[in-house]
Amino acid sequence: MKLMVTRLSLAVLWLLHWLPLPLLALIGNAVGALLYVLGRERRTVALTNLRLCFPALSETERTKLAREHFAYFGRSFIERNVLWWASESRLRRLIRVSGLEHLQSMRDQPVILLVPHFVALDVAWLRLSMDVDMVSVYAKQKNPIFDAALLQGRLRFGNQQLLSRQDGMRGVLRALKQHRPFFYLPDMDYGPRDAIFVPFFGVQAATITGLSRVSRLSGAAVVPVITRILPMGAGYDVSIQPAWQNWPAEEDGNATNTGGEAVAAEAAVVEDTARMNRYIEAEVRKQPAQYFWLHKRFKTRPAGEARFYD
């Protein structure tokens, strides 16, 4: 029964992709409004995140921001049909790209694309895949039909490589050696494994250290990519920013013994990871309604600290 519902849902999405984007935007806004009313658990998660990250806002202001976020989330879901089935020419018209020269100028060296979890991040993947062969890591979906549709949609253009998160980072490092950009989304709470606590909006957040460690192992530059849904069906914006300077952080050169060198190396990783969170926080403040607040970003807590989502 569940698989049949999935097939029916995908069929409806396929039919919807023929509609003009402004009409899809209206449908997406309506879906988001409905999800806000019916999705009690995710509504609570979003409001909790907004309370933690924007304590200066009033409850009314946070509720308004949460409703705006659900509308953008609804749009990102409904408009995914355009990404999966629209023609390349239509996608090129709808998606505005700036800063592509920053990536093209680095095609002969390893590059990590830092892509924070804004709701339109799939737009960046699809648009860049038309011009660049990349590698990324994805989470296998429990529903096999949706998982197949997701893979087919993301592998439409070029010679893209998607690796399962369970496979680890060896495949990513091999791809980086071949100068295939790594499309990386490291700003979620994946639990305590391979994570450290650094501030995010002033709250200690379990943050994976992969951006620092992979760039140190591969010598990769970090190039941020920020996505934005434009108002009411006007399309999308993908901004490729210049590579970070002074990255990664230098280790303390005064360490003279093995233990001291290890401590200095770990301190540099902590500095890198905190820098990443500060950067993402600054970008979120520019478009707070489009960041993915439905995720339990602060689920993992330091020992002895109370949980936020219980």
Protein backbone atom coordinates (compact mmCIF):
# COMPACT_ATOMS: atom_id res chain seq x y z
CA MET A 1 0.00 0.00 0.00
CA LYS A 2 2.77 2.43 0.96
CA LEU A 3 4.69 1.79 -2.26
CA MET A 4 1.53 2.30 -4.30
CA VAL A 5 0.95 5.66 -2.57
CA THR A 6 4.53 6.62 -3.40
CA ARG A 7 4.03 5.76 -7.08
CA LEU A 8 0.83 7.79 -7.15
CA SER A 9 2.51 10.75 -5.47
CA LEU A 10 5.38 10.69 -7.97
CA ALA A 11 2.88 10.52 -10.83
CA VAL A 12 1.12 13.62 -9.49
CA LEU A 13 4.45 15.42 -9.11
CA TRP A 14 5.36 14.52 -12.69
CA LEU A 15 2.09 15.98 -13.95
CA LEU A 16 2.62 19.16 -11.92
CA HIS A 17 6.01 19.87 -13.48
CA TRP A 18 4.23 21.09 -16.63
CA LEU A 19 2.69 23.98 -14.70
CA PRO A 20 4.33 27.43 -14.69
CA LEU A 21 6.54 28.08 -11.70
CA PRO A 22 4.38 30.92 -10.23
CA LEU A 23 1.44 28.52 -10.00
CA LEU A 24 3.65 25.83 -8.46
CA ALA A 25 4.79 28.43 -5.93
CA LEU A 26 1.19 29.07 -4.89
CA ILE A 27 0.57 25.34 -4.51
CA GLY A 28 3.78 24.97 -2.50
CA ASN A 29 2.80 27.83 -0.18
CA ALA A 30 -0.55 26.15 0.44
CA VAL A 31 1.13 22.80 1.13
CA GLY A 32 3.49 24.52 3.57
CA ALA A 33 0.60 26.20 5.39
CA LEU A 34 -1.15 22.84 5.70
CA LEU A 35 2.00 21.17 7.00
CA TYR A 36 2.38 23.90 9.62
CA VAL A 37 -1.12 23.18 10.93
CA LEU A 38 -0.94 19.37 10.76
CA GLY A 39 2.74 18.72 11.46
CA ARG A 40 2.75 19.31 15.20
CA GLU A 41 6.09 17.60 15.88
CA ARG A 42 8.01 19.41 13.13
CA ARG A 43 6.32 22.70 14.00
CA THR A 44 7.57 22.27 17.57
CA VAL A 45 11.09 21.49 16.32
CA ALA A 46 11.14 24.60 14.12
CA LEU A 47 9.85 26.87 16.89
CA THR A 48 12.37 25.39 19.35
CA ASN A 49 15.24 26.01 16.93
CA LEU A 50 14.09 29.57 16.30
CA ARG A 51 13.76 30.23 20.04
CA LEU A 52 17.32 29.02 20.60
CA CYS A 53 18.82 30.86 17.64
CA PHE A 54 16.81 34.09 17.79
CA PRO A 55 16.08 34.71 21.49
CA ALA A 56 15.69 38.46 20.88
CA LEU A 57 12.63 37.90 18.69
CA SER A 58 9.20 37.89 20.27
CA GLU A 59 7.08 34.73 20.19
CA THR A 60 4.88 36.37 17.57
CA GLU A 61 7.88 37.16 15.39
CA ARG A 62 9.22 33.61 15.68
CA THR A 63 5.82 32.17 14.81
CA LYS A 64 5.67 34.38 11.72
CA LEU A 65 9.18 33.25 10.74
CA ALA A 66 8.22 29.59 11.25
CA ARG A 67 5.17 29.99 9.00
CA GLU A 68 7.35 31.58 6.32
CA HIS A 69 9.77 28.69 6.62
CA PHE A 70 7.02 26.10 6.17
CA ALA A 71 5.88 27.95 3.05
CA TYR A 72 9.40 27.80 1.59
CA PHE A 73 9.68 24.16 2.60
CA GLY A 74 6.39 23.41 0.87
CA ARG A 75 7.64 25.15 -2.25
CA SER A 76 10.92 23.24 -2.18
CA PHE A 77 8.97 19.97 -2.10
CA ILE A 78 6.40 20.81 -4.78
CA GLU A 79 8.91 22.49 -7.08
CA ARG A 80 11.24 19.52 -6.89
CA ASN A 81 9.28 18.13 -9.83
CA VAL A 82 10.78 20.90 -11.97
CA LEU A 83 14.27 19.84 -10.93
CA TRP A 84 13.61 16.18 -11.66
CA TRP A 85 11.70 16.43 -14.94
CA ALA A 86 11.94 19.88 -16.55
CA SER A 87 14.14 20.30 -19.60
CA GLU A 88 17.68 21.58 -19.25
CA SER A 89 16.78 24.73 -21.18
CA ARG A 90 13.93 25.50 -18.77
CA LEU A 91 16.15 24.95 -15.74
CA ARG A 92 18.83 27.24 -17.14
CA ARG A 93 16.20 29.96 -17.56
CA LEU A 94 14.83 29.51 -14.04
CA ILE A 95 18.12 29.23 -12.12
CA ARG A 96 20.36 32.26 -11.98
CA VAL A 97 24.01 31.48 -11.23
CA SER A 98 26.64 33.94 -10.08
CA GLY A 99 30.30 33.30 -9.36
CA LEU A 100 30.69 30.24 -11.61
CA GLU A 101 34.11 31.60 -12.54
CA HIS A 102 35.29 30.92 -8.96
CA LEU A 103 34.71 27.21 -9.52
CA GLN A 104 35.86 27.03 -13.14
CA SER A 105 39.18 28.69 -12.28
CA MET A 106 39.92 25.84 -9.84
CA ARG A 107 39.12 22.89 -12.09
CA ASP A 108 42.71 21.60 -11.87
CA GLN A 109 42.75 21.31 -8.07
CA PRO A 110 40.66 19.66 -5.35
CA VAL A 111 37.66 21.73 -4.25
CA ILE A 112 35.06 21.26 -1.53
CA LEU A 113 31.76 23.03 -2.19
CA LEU A 114 30.38 24.04 1.21
CA VAL A 115 26.57 23.94 0.80
CA PRO A 116 24.59 24.86 3.93
CA HIS A 117 21.13 23.39 4.39
CA PHE A 118 18.94 26.02 2.80
CA VAL A 119 15.74 24.47 1.50
CA ALA A 120 16.70 25.01 -2.16
CA LEU A 121 20.09 23.29 -1.97
CA ASP A 122 19.00 20.65 -4.53
CA VAL A 123 18.69 23.53 -7.01
CA ALA A 124 22.42 24.15 -6.68
CA TRP A 125 23.27 20.49 -7.27
CA LEU A 126 21.08 20.21 -10.40
CA ARG A 127 22.26 23.48 -11.90
CA LEU A 128 25.95 22.90 -11.27
CA SER A 129 25.71 19.32 -12.53
CA MET A 130 24.95 20.74 -15.99
CA ASP A 131 28.45 22.20 -16.15
CA VAL A 132 30.56 20.27 -13.63
CA ASP A 133 30.98 16.60 -12.69
CA MET A 134 30.82 16.38 -8.90
CA VAL A 135 30.75 13.90 -6.04
CA SER A 136 28.46 13.98 -3.01
CA VAL A 137 27.27 11.82 -0.15
CA TYR A 138 23.61 10.96 0.28
CA ALA A 139 21.45 9.13 2.82
CA LYS A 140 19.69 6.10 1.35
CA GLN A 141 15.91 6.49 1.70
CA LYS A 142 13.88 3.76 3.41
CA ASN A 143 11.27 3.87 0.64
CA PRO A 144 12.95 2.14 -2.35
CA ILE A 145 10.72 3.80 -4.97
CA PHE A 146 11.36 7.30 -3.65
CA ASP A 147 15.06 6.45 -3.26
CA ALA A 148 15.24 5.44 -6.95
CA ALA A 149 13.41 8.62 -8.01
CA LEU A 150 15.74 10.74 -5.90
CA LEU A 151 18.83 9.17 -7.43
CA GLN A 152 17.47 9.42 -10.96
CA GLY A 153 16.62 13.09 -10.43
CA ARG A 154 20.02 13.98 -9.03
CA LEU A 155 21.95 12.07 -11.69
CA ARG A 156 20.18 13.61 -14.69
CA PHE A 157 23.10 15.61 -16.05
CA GLY A 158 26.77 14.94 -16.58
CA ASN A 159 28.73 12.16 -14.94
CA GLN A 160 27.84 12.66 -11.29
CA GLN A 161 28.90 10.41 -8.42
CA LEU A 162 26.72 9.83 -5.35
CA LEU A 163 28.16 7.81 -2.47
CA SER A 164 26.27 6.34 0.46
CA ARG A 165 27.06 7.90 3.83
CA GLN A 166 27.67 4.39 5.14
CA ASP A 167 30.62 4.03 2.74
CA GLY A 168 32.69 6.63 4.61
CA MET A 169 34.94 9.24 3.03
CA ARG A 170 37.45 7.11 1.09
CA GLY A 171 35.47 7.45 -2.13
CA VAL A 172 35.28 11.21 -1.63
CA LEU A 173 39.04 11.46 -1.18
CA ARG A 174 39.60 9.44 -4.37
CA ALA A 175 37.23 11.75 -6.26
CA LEU A 176 39.00 14.84 -4.92
CA LYS A 177 42.32 13.47 -6.17
CA GLN A 178 40.71 13.36 -9.61
CA HIS A 179 39.73 17.04 -9.16
CA ARG A 180 36.04 16.24 -8.92
CA PRO A 181 34.42 18.91 -6.65
CA PHE A 182 32.88 17.56 -3.46
CA PHE A 183 29.34 18.90 -2.87
CA TYR A 184 29.32 18.85 0.94
CA LEU A 185 26.51 19.48 3.46
CA PRO A 186 28.13 19.28 6.91
CA ASP A 187 25.72 21.41 8.99
CA MET A 188 23.40 18.82 10.51
CA ASP A 189 23.44 16.92 13.79
CA TYR A 190 24.59 13.40 12.87
CA GLY A 191 25.17 12.40 16.49
CA PRO A 192 28.36 12.40 18.59
CA ARG A 193 30.46 10.31 16.20
CA ASP A 194 33.16 12.37 14.45
CA ALA A 195 31.62 15.53 15.94
CA ILE A 196 32.71 18.24 18.34
CA PHE A 197 30.72 20.91 20.15
CA VAL A 198 31.17 24.41 18.78
CA PRO A 199 28.74 27.36 18.93
CA PHE A 200 25.98 27.86 16.39
CA PHE A 201 23.92 30.97 17.16
CA GLY A 202 25.49 30.90 20.62
CA VAL A 203 24.32 27.35 21.35
CA GLN A 204 26.77 24.46 21.61
CA ALA A 205 26.01 22.30 18.55
CA ALA A 206 27.42 18.86 17.72
CA THR A 207 29.19 19.56 14.43
CA ILE A 208 31.07 17.10 12.26
CA THR A 209 34.68 18.05 11.56
CA GLY A 210 34.76 16.68 8.01
CA LEU A 211 35.25 20.04 6.28
CA SER A 212 38.50 20.62 8.14
CA ARG A 213 39.78 17.04 8.09
CA VAL A 214 38.96 16.30 4.43
CA SER A 215 40.48 19.58 3.26
CA ARG A 216 43.64 18.86 5.27
CA LEU A 217 43.94 15.34 3.86
CA SER A 218 43.25 16.36 0.27
CA GLY A 219 44.61 19.90 0.13
CA ALA A 220 41.17 21.04 -1.11
CA ALA A 221 40.06 24.64 -1.17
CA VAL A 222 36.66 25.51 0.30
CA VAL A 223 34.20 27.29 -2.01
CA PRO A 224 30.83 28.17 -0.41
CA VAL A 225 27.60 27.80 -2.42
CA ILE A 226 24.43 29.53 -1.21
CA THR A 227 20.99 28.88 -2.71
CA ARG A 228 17.85 31.02 -2.54
CA ILE A 229 14.26 30.65 -3.71
CA LEU A 230 13.14 33.88 -5.36
CA PRO A 231 9.72 35.39 -4.57
CA MET A 232 6.59 33.88 -6.06
CA GLY A 233 7.89 31.80 -8.89
CA ALA A 234 10.60 34.13 -10.17
CA GLY A 235 13.08 31.26 -10.09
CA TYR A 236 16.14 30.51 -8.00
CA ASP A 237 19.51 32.02 -7.22
CA VAL A 238 22.75 30.05 -6.82
CA SER A 239 25.69 32.08 -5.53
CA ILE A 240 29.17 30.56 -5.79
CA GLN A 241 31.46 32.55 -3.53
CA PRO A 242 35.24 32.98 -3.66
CA ALA A 243 37.38 30.31 -2.01
CA TRP A 244 38.13 30.90 1.65
CA GLN A 245 41.48 32.46 2.38
CA ASN A 246 43.74 31.36 5.24
CA TRP A 247 42.16 27.91 5.24
CA PRO A 248 42.67 25.58 6.98
CA ALA A 249 43.90 27.09 10.22
CA GLU A 250 47.60 26.75 10.93
CA GLU A 251 48.67 24.43 13.70
CA ASP A 252 50.66 25.79 16.62
CA GLY A 253 54.27 25.62 15.46
CA ASN A 254 55.56 25.66 19.05
CA ALA A 255 54.47 22.05 19.66
CA THR A 256 57.66 19.98 19.92
CA ASN A 257 56.59 16.55 21.09
CA THR A 258 54.14 14.00 19.75
CA GLY A 259 51.50 14.77 22.36
CA GLY A 260 51.83 18.52 21.78
CA GLU A 261 51.55 18.11 18.02
CA ALA A 262 48.36 16.08 18.40
CA VAL A 263 46.83 18.73 20.67
CA ALA A 264 47.82 21.49 18.25
CA ALA A 265 46.32 19.60 15.30
CA GLU A 266 43.04 19.06 17.14
CA ALA A 267 42.91 22.71 18.19
CA ALA A 268 43.25 23.73 14.53
CA VAL A 269 40.36 21.42 13.57
CA VAL A 270 38.21 22.99 16.30
CA GLU A 271 39.09 26.46 14.99
CA ASP A 272 38.14 25.45 11.44
CA THR A 273 34.84 23.93 12.53
CA ALA A 274 33.90 26.98 14.59
CA ARG A 275 34.73 29.18 11.58
CA MET A 276 32.41 27.09 9.41
CA ASN A 277 29.54 27.52 11.87
CA ARG A 278 30.13 31.27 12.12
CA TYR A 279 30.01 31.54 8.35
CA ILE A 280 26.78 29.53 8.06
CA GLU A 281 25.22 31.55 10.86
CA ALA A 282 26.01 34.79 9.02
CA GLU A 283 24.42 33.44 5.82
CA VAL A 284 21.34 32.23 7.71
CA ARG A 285 20.80 35.72 9.13
CA LYS A 286 20.50 37.03 5.56
CA GLN A 287 17.58 34.71 4.74
CA PRO A 288 16.44 33.04 7.99
CA ALA A 289 13.12 31.74 6.63
CA GLN A 290 14.90 29.57 4.04
CA TYR A 291 17.22 27.68 6.38
CA PHE A 292 16.16 24.11 7.24
CA TRP A 293 14.68 24.60 10.72
CA LEU A 294 12.74 21.31 10.70
CA HIS A 295 15.93 19.39 11.58
CA LYS A 296 16.80 18.79 15.24
CA ARG A 297 20.08 20.69 14.95
CA PHE A 298 20.69 20.65 18.71
CA LYS A 299 19.55 17.10 19.45
CA THR A 300 22.98 15.87 20.64
CA ARG A 301 23.90 17.60 23.90
CA PRO A 302 27.07 17.79 25.98
CA ALA A 303 27.13 15.36 28.89
CA GLY A 304 24.76 16.38 31.65
CA GLU A 305 22.98 19.07 29.62
CA ALA A 306 19.20 19.01 29.30
CA ARG A 307 17.68 18.04 25.95
CA PHE A 308 15.75 20.64 23.96
CA TYR A 309 13.20 18.58 22.02
CA ASP A 310 11.75 16.31 24.71
